[in-house]
Amino acid sequence: MIFFPIIVLLAAAPVSASGTAMETLRAVSFDIPAAAVPAAPEPAEAREIKSDGLYRSYCWGRAPHEKADAEGMPAAFCVSSFRVQLRPDPAAFLVLDGDMPGEFPLRIKFIGDGLYSGTALVFRRYQGSACTEGTDAVIEITVKMDARGAIIEEPSLKAFYGSTSDVCHSDWDYAEIFYLRR
């Protein structure tokens, strides 16, 4: 057990005629169990985070998918850095380096507590025109960020493949293509 002596000065209490100022001081010890002292946190996962983005390789891969392969959707790819670029106009872009480099427009959504979610389409192959068959292959990356555009969590990825028998008159049938981080 840990003992902390605490000296309390009772300045507001008047000193009695028979007592001295020394009698107004009292020494009090409190027992603080060791379990009440929080343990040191475990070190965070090793990753380099700079104020404007994530600078670490993230790689994803998927199983073969005949239709996604036909649309040219990559079976595996790596991104070496993620940055959010805010511009004076109300536009924001996700800037990627690696196998899929470029600047991709972000759809931003306020999620609360000063945090935002931004989603960018980093791959899209759409085929079809009015009243014909159509296909759509999409990969989107979502980042969580603060109001300055600083990324605060690891990115997430979703991919979809959809088709329709008639772009004008039929519903699209979408299925998720599962990518795993490698």
C-alpha atoms as a PDB file:
ATOM      1  CA  MET A   1       0.000   0.000   0.000  1.00  0.00           C
ATOM      2  CA  ILE A   2       1.069   3.518  -0.716  1.00  0.00           C
ATOM      3  CA  PHE A   3       0.797   6.138   2.054  1.00  0.00           C
ATOM      4  CA  PHE A   4       0.683   9.817   1.237  1.00  0.00           C
ATOM      5  CA  PRO A   5       0.939  12.179   4.219  1.00  0.00           C
ATOM      6  CA  ILE A   6      -1.247  15.198   3.664  1.00  0.00           C
ATOM      7  CA  ILE A   7      -1.030  18.250   5.882  1.00  0.00           C
ATOM      8  CA  VAL A   8      -4.179  20.298   6.118  1.00  0.00           C
ATOM      9  CA  LEU A   9      -4.043  23.840   7.445  1.00  0.00           C
ATOM     10  CA  LEU A  10      -7.276  24.950   9.008  1.00  0.00           C
ATOM     11  CA  ALA A  11      -6.783  28.675   8.537  1.00  0.00           C
ATOM     12  CA  ALA A  12     -10.445  29.474   8.775  1.00  0.00           C
ATOM     13  CA  ALA A  13     -10.758  27.969  12.273  1.00  0.00           C
ATOM     14  CA  PRO A  14     -10.069  30.470  15.007  1.00  0.00           C
ATOM     15  CA  VAL A  15      -7.322  29.689  17.473  1.00  0.00           C
ATOM     16  CA  SER A  16      -8.732  29.259  20.972  1.00  0.00           C
ATOM     17  CA  ALA A  17      -7.248  31.093  23.858  1.00  0.00           C
ATOM     18  CA  SER A  18      -6.013  27.888  25.420  1.00  0.00           C
ATOM     19  CA  GLY A  19      -4.630  26.463  22.147  1.00  0.00           C
ATOM     20  CA  THR A  20      -1.729  27.418  19.931  1.00  0.00           C
ATOM     21  CA  ALA A  21      -1.495  27.840  16.182  1.00  0.00           C
ATOM     22  CA  MET A  22       0.397  24.557  16.049  1.00  0.00           C
ATOM     23  CA  GLU A  23      -2.639  22.715  17.364  1.00  0.00           C
ATOM     24  CA  THR A  24      -4.668  23.847  14.361  1.00  0.00           C
ATOM     25  CA  LEU A  25      -2.404  21.819  12.037  1.00  0.00           C
ATOM     26  CA  ARG A  26      -3.390  18.234  11.616  1.00  0.00           C
ATOM     27  CA  ALA A  27      -1.507  15.489   9.807  1.00  0.00           C
ATOM     28  CA  VAL A  28      -3.742  13.018   7.999  1.00  0.00           C
ATOM     29  CA  SER A  29      -2.687   9.871   6.148  1.00  0.00           C
ATOM     30  CA  PHE A  30      -4.844   8.284   3.468  1.00  0.00           C
ATOM     31  CA  ASP A  31      -4.411   4.726   2.281  1.00  0.00           C
ATOM     32  CA  ILE A  32      -4.527   4.614  -1.540  1.00  0.00           C
ATOM     33  CA  PRO A  33      -4.536   1.042  -2.817  1.00  0.00           C
ATOM     34  CA  ALA A  34      -2.129   0.318  -5.666  1.00  0.00           C
ATOM     35  CA  ALA A  35      -5.061  -0.933  -7.764  1.00  0.00           C
ATOM     36  CA  ALA A  36      -6.432   2.624  -7.864  1.00  0.00           C
ATOM     37  CA  VAL A  37      -3.359   3.847  -9.734  1.00  0.00           C
ATOM     38  CA  PRO A  38      -3.953   3.276 -13.463  1.00  0.00           C
ATOM     39  CA  ALA A  39      -1.441   1.130 -15.297  1.00  0.00           C
ATOM     40  CA  ALA A  40       0.636   2.730 -18.034  1.00  0.00           C
ATOM     41  CA  PRO A  41      -0.979   2.319 -21.463  1.00  0.00           C
ATOM     42  CA  GLU A  42       0.485  -0.146 -23.902  1.00  0.00           C
ATOM     43  CA  PRO A  43       2.535   1.470 -26.677  1.00  0.00           C
ATOM     44  CA  ALA A  44       0.497   2.201 -29.785  1.00  0.00           C
ATOM     45  CA  GLU A  45       0.966   0.165 -32.929  1.00  0.00           C
ATOM     46  CA  ALA A  46       4.044   1.357 -34.765  1.00  0.00           C
ATOM     47  CA  ARG A  47       2.942   3.748 -37.518  1.00  0.00           C
ATOM     48  CA  GLU A  48       4.149   7.104 -38.558  1.00  0.00           C
ATOM     49  CA  ILE A  49       1.458   9.767 -38.445  1.00  0.00           C
ATOM     50  CA  LYS A  50       2.173  13.292 -39.539  1.00  0.00           C
ATOM     51  CA  SER A  51      -0.163  16.217 -39.125  1.00  0.00           C
ATOM     52  CA  ASP A  52      -1.476  16.070 -42.669  1.00  0.00           C
ATOM     53  CA  GLY A  53      -1.902  12.344 -43.279  1.00  0.00           C
ATOM     54  CA  LEU A  54      -0.805   8.741 -42.874  1.00  0.00           C
ATOM     55  CA  TYR A  55       2.594   7.778 -44.234  1.00  0.00           C
ATOM     56  CA  ARG A  56       2.591   4.018 -44.117  1.00  0.00           C
ATOM     57  CA  SER A  57       1.854   1.356 -46.703  1.00  0.00           C
ATOM     58  CA  TYR A  58      -1.573  -0.182 -46.644  1.00  0.00           C
ATOM     59  CA  CYS A  59      -2.044  -3.123 -48.991  1.00  0.00           C
ATOM     60  CA  TRP A  60      -5.274  -4.868 -49.909  1.00  0.00           C
ATOM     61  CA  GLY A  61      -6.022  -7.987 -51.931  1.00  0.00           C
ATOM     62  CA  ARG A  62      -9.116  -9.868 -53.033  1.00  0.00           C
ATOM     63  CA  ALA A  63      -9.995 -13.324 -54.290  1.00  0.00           C
ATOM     64  CA  PRO A  64     -10.515 -13.794 -58.024  1.00  0.00           C
ATOM     65  CA  HIS A  65     -13.867 -12.466 -59.218  1.00  0.00           C
ATOM     66  CA  GLU A  66     -14.648 -13.033 -62.875  1.00  0.00           C
ATOM     67  CA  LYS A  67     -16.760  -9.912 -63.400  1.00  0.00           C
ATOM     68  CA  ALA A  68     -14.519  -7.580 -61.367  1.00  0.00           C
ATOM     69  CA  ASP A  69     -11.475  -8.953 -63.217  1.00  0.00           C
ATOM     70  CA  ALA A  70     -13.230  -8.269 -66.550  1.00  0.00           C
ATOM     71  CA  GLU A  71     -13.742  -4.621 -65.499  1.00  0.00           C
ATOM     72  CA  GLY A  72     -10.047  -4.240 -64.626  1.00  0.00           C
ATOM     73  CA  MET A  73     -10.559  -3.959 -60.869  1.00  0.00           C
ATOM     74  CA  PRO A  74      -7.123  -4.625 -59.327  1.00  0.00           C
ATOM     75  CA  ALA A  75      -6.769  -7.937 -57.490  1.00  0.00           C
ATOM     76  CA  ALA A  76      -4.205  -6.357 -55.134  1.00  0.00           C
ATOM     77  CA  PHE A  77      -2.747  -2.887 -54.611  1.00  0.00           C
ATOM     78  CA  CYS A  78      -0.826  -0.814 -52.066  1.00  0.00           C
ATOM     79  CA  VAL A  79      -1.105   2.827 -51.053  1.00  0.00           C
ATOM     80  CA  SER A  80       2.009   4.339 -49.463  1.00  0.00           C
ATOM     81  CA  SER A  81       0.482   7.581 -48.135  1.00  0.00           C
ATOM     82  CA  PHE A  82      -2.865   9.263 -47.570  1.00  0.00           C
ATOM     83  CA  ARG A  83      -3.394  13.011 -47.285  1.00  0.00           C
ATOM     84  CA  VAL A  84      -6.470  15.211 -47.305  1.00  0.00           C
ATOM     85  CA  GLN A  85      -6.088  18.368 -49.332  1.00  0.00           C
ATOM     86  CA  LEU A  86      -8.507  21.140 -48.394  1.00  0.00           C
ATOM     87  CA  ARG A  87      -8.885  23.917 -50.953  1.00  0.00           C
ATOM     88  CA  PRO A  88     -10.165  27.501 -50.604  1.00  0.00           C
ATOM     89  CA  ASP A  89     -13.323  26.557 -52.464  1.00  0.00           C
ATOM     90  CA  PRO A  90     -15.467  24.033 -50.572  1.00  0.00           C
ATOM     91  CA  ALA A  91     -13.707  21.096 -52.269  1.00  0.00           C
ATOM     92  CA  ALA A  92     -11.565  18.479 -50.536  1.00  0.00           C
ATOM     93  CA  PHE A  93      -9.462  15.755 -52.108  1.00  0.00           C
ATOM     94  CA  LEU A  94      -7.900  12.504 -50.918  1.00  0.00           C
ATOM     95  CA  VAL A  95      -4.316  12.429 -52.224  1.00  0.00           C
ATOM     96  CA  LEU A  96      -2.834   8.936 -52.606  1.00  0.00           C
ATOM     97  CA  ASP A  97       0.656   7.719 -53.444  1.00  0.00           C
ATOM     98  CA  GLY A  98       1.518   4.152 -54.407  1.00  0.00           C
ATOM     99  CA  ASP A  99      -0.153   1.794 -56.877  1.00  0.00           C
ATOM    100  CA  MET A 100      -3.196   4.077 -57.237  1.00  0.00           C
ATOM    101  CA  PRO A 101      -1.735   7.602 -57.151  1.00  0.00           C
ATOM    102  CA  GLY A 102      -3.838  10.682 -57.668  1.00  0.00           C
ATOM    103  CA  GLU A 103      -6.196  13.254 -56.190  1.00  0.00           C
ATOM    104  CA  PHE A 104      -9.731  11.976 -55.660  1.00  0.00           C
ATOM    105  CA  PRO A 105     -12.724  14.202 -54.708  1.00  0.00           C
ATOM    106  CA  LEU A 106     -14.023  13.511 -51.193  1.00  0.00           C
ATOM    107  CA  ARG A 107     -17.657  13.308 -50.133  1.00  0.00           C
ATOM    108  CA  ILE A 108     -17.497  14.669 -46.591  1.00  0.00           C
ATOM    109  CA  LYS A 109     -19.952  13.920 -43.808  1.00  0.00           C
ATOM    110  CA  PHE A 110     -19.943  15.389 -40.280  1.00  0.00           C
ATOM    111  CA  ILE A 111     -19.972  12.544 -37.737  1.00  0.00           C
ATOM    112  CA  GLY A 112     -19.822  14.514 -34.475  1.00  0.00           C
ATOM    113  CA  ASP A 113     -17.365  15.837 -31.880  1.00  0.00           C
ATOM    114  CA  GLY A 114     -15.530  17.880 -34.514  1.00  0.00           C
ATOM    115  CA  LEU A 115     -14.833  14.791 -36.645  1.00  0.00           C
ATOM    116  CA  TYR A 116     -15.644  14.095 -40.263  1.00  0.00           C
ATOM    117  CA  SER A 117     -15.748  11.093 -42.559  1.00  0.00           C
ATOM    118  CA  GLY A 118     -14.515  11.504 -46.122  1.00  0.00           C
ATOM    119  CA  THR A 119     -15.105   8.931 -48.866  1.00  0.00           C
ATOM    120  CA  ALA A 120     -13.381   8.961 -52.248  1.00  0.00           C
ATOM    121  CA  LEU A 121     -13.959   6.767 -55.297  1.00  0.00           C
ATOM    122  CA  VAL A 122     -10.430   5.663 -56.177  1.00  0.00           C
ATOM    123  CA  PHE A 123     -11.477   3.227 -58.919  1.00  0.00           C
ATOM    124  CA  ARG A 124     -14.563   3.168 -61.101  1.00  0.00           C
ATOM    125  CA  ARG A 125     -15.386   1.405 -64.343  1.00  0.00           C
ATOM    126  CA  TYR A 126     -18.874   2.153 -65.569  1.00  0.00           C
ATOM    127  CA  GLN A 127     -20.137   0.722 -68.832  1.00  0.00           C
ATOM    128  CA  GLY A 128     -23.538   1.215 -70.339  1.00  0.00           C
ATOM    129  CA  SER A 129     -25.626   3.888 -71.941  1.00  0.00           C
ATOM    130  CA  ALA A 130     -29.282   4.766 -72.195  1.00  0.00           C
ATOM    131  CA  CYS A 131     -31.496   1.686 -72.267  1.00  0.00           C
ATOM    132  CA  THR A 132     -28.687  -0.880 -72.646  1.00  0.00           C
ATOM    133  CA  GLU A 133     -26.995  -3.349 -70.318  1.00  0.00           C
ATOM    134  CA  GLY A 134     -24.692  -1.796 -67.778  1.00  0.00           C
ATOM    135  CA  THR A 135     -21.925  -2.703 -65.361  1.00  0.00           C
ATOM    136  CA  ASP A 136     -20.295  -0.731 -62.563  1.00  0.00           C
ATOM    137  CA  ALA A 137     -17.141  -1.629 -60.615  1.00  0.00           C
ATOM    138  CA  VAL A 138     -16.188   0.653 -57.702  1.00  0.00           C
ATOM    139  CA  ILE A 139     -13.482   0.867 -55.022  1.00  0.00           C
ATOM    140  CA  GLU A 140     -13.909   3.537 -52.366  1.00  0.00           C
ATOM    141  CA  ILE A 141     -11.638   4.524 -49.483  1.00  0.00           C
ATOM    142  CA  THR A 142     -12.975   6.247 -46.366  1.00  0.00           C
ATOM    143  CA  VAL A 143     -10.869   8.219 -43.888  1.00  0.00           C
ATOM    144  CA  LYS A 144     -11.837   9.760 -40.539  1.00  0.00           C
ATOM    145  CA  MET A 145     -10.424  13.262 -40.048  1.00  0.00           C
ATOM    146  CA  ASP A 146     -10.655  16.405 -37.968  1.00  0.00           C
ATOM    147  CA  ALA A 147     -11.777  19.840 -39.203  1.00  0.00           C
ATOM    148  CA  ARG A 148      -8.247  20.648 -40.464  1.00  0.00           C
ATOM    149  CA  GLY A 149      -8.197  17.520 -42.649  1.00  0.00           C
ATOM    150  CA  ALA A 150      -5.750  15.602 -40.430  1.00  0.00           C
ATOM    151  CA  ILE A 151      -6.448  11.866 -40.737  1.00  0.00           C
ATOM    152  CA  ILE A 152      -6.953  10.360 -37.287  1.00  0.00           C
ATOM    153  CA  GLU A 153      -7.705   6.675 -37.978  1.00  0.00           C
ATOM    154  CA  GLU A 154      -6.637   3.996 -40.388  1.00  0.00           C
ATOM    155  CA  PRO A 155      -8.455   4.084 -43.729  1.00  0.00           C
ATOM    156  CA  SER A 156     -11.186   1.628 -44.629  1.00  0.00           C
ATOM    157  CA  LEU A 157     -11.927   0.210 -48.068  1.00  0.00           C
ATOM    158  CA  LYS A 158     -15.105  -1.080 -49.715  1.00  0.00           C
ATOM    159  CA  ALA A 159     -15.572  -2.389 -53.233  1.00  0.00           C
ATOM    160  CA  PHE A 160     -18.686  -3.260 -55.227  1.00  0.00           C
ATOM    161  CA  TYR A 161     -19.653  -4.752 -58.562  1.00  0.00           C
ATOM    162  CA  GLY A 162     -23.079  -4.096 -60.052  1.00  0.00           C
ATOM    163  CA  SER A 163     -24.936  -4.925 -63.228  1.00  0.00           C
ATOM    164  CA  THR A 164     -28.304  -4.287 -64.825  1.00  0.00           C
ATOM    165  CA  SER A 165     -30.075  -5.561 -67.912  1.00  0.00           C
ATOM    166  CA  ASP A 166     -31.359  -2.084 -68.784  1.00  0.00           C
ATOM    167  CA  VAL A 167     -29.771   1.121 -67.467  1.00  0.00           C
ATOM    168  CA  CYS A 168     -33.004   3.079 -68.003  1.00  0.00           C
ATOM    169  CA  HIS A 169     -35.662   0.690 -66.721  1.00  0.00           C
ATOM    170  CA  SER A 170     -34.136  -1.945 -64.446  1.00  0.00           C
ATOM    171  CA  ASP A 171     -32.693  -1.881 -60.960  1.00  0.00           C
ATOM    172  CA  TRP A 172     -28.988  -2.401 -60.408  1.00  0.00           C
ATOM    173  CA  ASP A 173     -27.877  -5.598 -58.693  1.00  0.00           C
ATOM    174  CA  TYR A 174     -24.804  -4.775 -56.558  1.00  0.00           C
ATOM    175  CA  ALA A 175     -22.619  -7.196 -54.622  1.00  0.00           C
ATOM    176  CA  GLU A 176     -19.700  -6.338 -52.340  1.00  0.00           C
ATOM    177  CA  ILE A 177     -16.222  -7.448 -53.415  1.00  0.00           C
ATOM    178  CA  PHE A 178     -14.281  -8.238 -50.233  1.00  0.00           C
ATOM    179  CA  TYR A 179     -10.732  -6.925 -49.994  1.00  0.00           C
ATOM    180  CA  LEU A 180      -8.545  -7.947 -47.060  1.00  0.00           C
ATOM    181  CA  ARG A 181      -5.603  -5.998 -45.702  1.00  0.00           C
ATOM    182  CA  ARG A 182      -2.323  -7.787 -46.271  1.00  0.00           C
END
